[in-house]
C-alpha cells in the first residue's frame, strides 16, 4: 500500500528520468505538473503540500532532498540510491501503480512537453506573475501554503 501513495518526490524522480535540470527548475516543473493535473481532473497529483518560497512554489519533500544541489544540474544517474529506495518500485511504476496512474503519467509527460525546455528563470517568471497562487500566498517567509483553491483559480483560467 505504501507504493500506491504518490509523493512529490516520486514525481521529481520521474522528471529526472526524462530531463537533467537544476533544483530550481525541478521545483517549478513539479508544481506545474501538479497544477496541470489538478485543473484537468480536479484531483491532486501527489499528497505533499505546496509552499510559497522566495523563488516560487516548492514541494517540501523535493526541496529537502535536492536543495543540496543548489544551482547545479541534477541527473537521475547522479543520485545516490539509499537502501530503502532499492526496495521500492521504480518511479514510473510507482506512479503507474497509483490510482489513475496512466492518466497521471500522461499528464506529467504533457506538462514536461510544454515547459521542459524552458530555463529555470523563465519558469520562475511564469510562477511569479501578478495574481498567481504564489503571489497570493507568499508573505516573505518560507512555508506559506499554496492552496488547491488558489491553484485552480489561477491555472484553470489562464
Protein backbone atom coordinates (compact mmCIF):
# COMPACT_ATOMS: atom_id res chain seq x y z
CA UNK A 1 0.00 0.00 0.00
CA UNK A 2 2.93 2.34 0.67
CA UNK A 3 3.84 2.12 -3.02
CA UNK A 4 0.35 3.33 -4.03
CA UNK A 5 0.80 6.71 -2.34
CA UNK A 6 2.42 9.23 -4.66
CA UNK A 7 4.61 11.93 -3.17
CA UNK A 8 6.11 14.98 -4.83
CA UNK A 9 9.46 13.24 -4.54
CA UNK A 10 8.18 10.42 -6.80
CA UNK A 11 7.15 12.93 -9.46
CA UNK A 12 10.52 14.70 -9.15
CA UNK A 13 12.43 11.45 -9.59
CA UNK A 14 10.27 10.60 -12.61
CA UNK A 15 11.00 14.03 -14.12
CA UNK A 16 14.71 13.39 -13.60
CA UNK A 17 14.46 10.23 -15.70
CA UNK A 18 13.30 12.48 -18.55
CA UNK A 19 15.49 15.58 -18.16
CA UNK A 20 18.51 16.78 -16.23
CA UNK A 21 17.85 20.11 -14.54
CA UNK A 22 18.66 22.32 -11.57
CA UNK A 23 16.84 22.10 -8.26
CA UNK A 24 15.04 25.39 -9.01
CA UNK A 25 13.75 24.12 -12.35
CA UNK A 26 12.75 20.78 -10.83
CA UNK A 27 10.63 22.53 -8.18
CA UNK A 28 8.81 24.59 -10.80
CA UNK A 29 8.20 21.55 -13.03
CA UNK A 30 6.79 19.56 -10.09
CA UNK A 31 4.46 22.45 -9.29
CA UNK A 32 3.34 22.88 -12.90
CA UNK A 33 2.72 19.13 -13.24
CA UNK A 34 0.61 19.30 -10.09
CA UNK A 35 -1.32 22.38 -11.26
CA UNK A 36 -1.99 20.96 -14.72
CA UNK A 37 -3.24 17.66 -13.32
CA UNK A 38 -5.41 19.41 -10.71
CA UNK A 39 -7.01 21.56 -13.43
CA UNK A 40 -7.64 18.61 -15.76
CA UNK A 41 -9.07 16.24 -13.19
CA UNK A 42 -9.93 18.12 -10.00
CA UNK A 43 -7.68 15.66 -8.17
CA UNK A 44 -4.28 16.03 -6.56
CA UNK A 45 -1.30 14.56 -8.42
CA UNK A 46 0.56 13.82 -5.19
CA UNK A 47 -0.05 14.05 -1.45
CA UNK A 48 2.50 16.71 -0.45
CA UNK A 49 1.57 20.28 0.29
CA UNK A 50 2.97 23.04 -1.89
CA UNK A 51 4.55 26.05 -0.22
CA UNK A 52 5.46 29.55 -1.38
CA UNK A 53 9.19 30.26 -1.09
CA UNK A 54 11.13 33.29 -2.33
CA UNK A 55 11.74 31.83 -5.79
CA UNK A 56 8.33 30.27 -6.19
CA UNK A 57 6.30 27.20 -5.34
CA UNK A 58 8.13 24.41 -3.53
CA UNK A 59 7.19 20.82 -2.68
CA UNK A 60 8.69 20.08 0.74
CA UNK A 61 9.90 16.52 0.05
CA UNK A 62 11.54 17.66 -3.20
CA UNK A 63 13.10 20.69 -1.52
CA UNK A 64 14.58 18.67 1.33
CA UNK A 65 16.04 16.03 -1.00
CA UNK A 66 17.52 18.26 -3.69
CA UNK A 67 18.39 21.61 -2.03
CA UNK A 68 21.98 20.40 -1.60
CA UNK A 69 22.48 20.71 -5.37
CA UNK A 70 21.96 24.48 -5.37
CA UNK A 71 22.08 25.62 -8.99
CA UNK A 72 23.94 22.51 -10.24
CA UNK A 73 22.21 20.16 -12.64
CA UNK A 74 20.68 17.04 -11.12
CA UNK A 75 20.67 13.84 -13.10
CA UNK A 76 18.99 10.57 -12.18
CA UNK A 77 22.31 8.74 -12.59
CA UNK A 78 23.98 11.17 -10.21
CA UNK A 79 21.52 10.44 -7.42
CA UNK A 80 22.71 8.04 -4.73
CA UNK A 81 20.05 5.40 -4.18
CA UNK A 82 19.56 4.77 -0.50
CA UNK A 83 18.91 1.28 0.89
CA UNK A 84 15.20 1.81 1.47
CA UNK A 85 14.70 3.15 -2.06
CA UNK A 86 16.13 -0.04 -3.57
CA UNK A 87 13.15 -1.91 -2.17
CA UNK A 88 10.56 0.45 -3.62
CA UNK A 89 9.08 0.32 -7.09
CA UNK A 90 10.86 2.39 -9.78
CA UNK A 91 9.42 5.91 -10.05
CA UNK A 92 7.40 5.44 -13.22
CA UNK A 93 6.00 2.15 -11.90
CA UNK A 94 5.09 3.81 -8.58
CA UNK A 95 3.09 6.44 -10.43
CA UNK A 96 1.51 3.91 -12.82
CA UNK A 97 0.54 1.68 -9.87
CA UNK A 98 -1.25 4.55 -8.11
CA UNK A 99 -4.91 5.33 -8.62
CA UNK A 100 -5.38 6.69 -12.18
CA UNK A 101 -1.67 6.11 -12.76
CA UNK A 102 -1.75 6.04 -16.56
CA UNK A 103 -3.62 9.35 -16.54
CA UNK A 104 -1.03 10.81 -14.15
CA UNK A 105 1.98 9.75 -16.24
CA UNK A 106 0.33 11.06 -19.39
CA UNK A 107 -0.38 14.41 -17.70
CA UNK A 108 3.19 14.72 -16.37
CA UNK A 109 4.61 13.97 -19.81
CA UNK A 110 2.28 16.54 -21.38
CA UNK A 111 3.37 19.20 -18.88
CA UNK A 112 7.04 18.39 -19.48
CA UNK A 113 6.36 18.81 -23.19
CA UNK A 114 5.04 22.33 -22.53
CA UNK A 115 7.59 23.52 -20.00
CA UNK A 116 10.56 21.14 -20.01
CA UNK A 117 12.69 23.13 -22.45
CA UNK A 118 12.27 26.43 -20.59
CA UNK A 119 15.01 27.72 -18.30
CA UNK A 120 14.59 27.74 -14.53
CA UNK A 121 14.35 31.54 -14.56
CA UNK A 122 11.66 31.53 -17.27
CA UNK A 123 9.66 29.13 -15.09
CA UNK A 124 10.17 31.46 -12.12
CA UNK A 125 8.74 34.29 -14.25
CA UNK A 126 5.69 32.14 -15.02
CA UNK A 127 5.05 31.28 -11.37
CA UNK A 128 5.71 34.85 -10.16
CA UNK A 129 3.23 36.73 -12.34
CA UNK A 130 0.81 39.09 -10.65
CA UNK A 131 -2.18 37.30 -9.06
CA UNK A 132 -0.60 33.83 -9.28
CA UNK A 133 -1.15 31.39 -6.40
CA UNK A 134 2.44 32.12 -5.32
CA UNK A 135 1.79 35.88 -5.31
CA UNK A 136 -1.35 35.42 -3.22
CA UNK A 137 0.38 33.10 -0.74
CA UNK A 138 3.93 34.36 -0.23
CA UNK A 139 4.38 36.58 2.83
CA UNK A 140 8.15 36.92 2.71
CA UNK A 141 8.63 33.81 4.82
CA UNK A 142 9.05 30.21 3.67
CA UNK A 143 6.34 27.60 4.22
CA UNK A 144 3.32 29.72 3.34
CA UNK A 145 0.99 27.06 1.97
CA UNK A 146 -0.43 27.43 -1.53
CA UNK A 147 -3.95 26.03 -1.53
CA UNK A 148 -5.52 23.91 -4.24
CA UNK A 149 -8.27 26.52 -4.42
CA UNK A 150 -5.72 29.21 -5.40
CA UNK A 151 -4.10 26.87 -7.93
CA UNK A 152 -7.45 26.06 -9.53
CA UNK A 153 -8.49 29.70 -9.63
CA UNK A 154 -5.34 30.76 -11.50
CA UNK A 155 -4.23 27.82 -13.61
CA UNK A 156 -7.63 26.74 -14.88
CA UNK A 157 -8.40 30.25 -16.09
CA UNK A 158 -5.08 31.22 -17.70
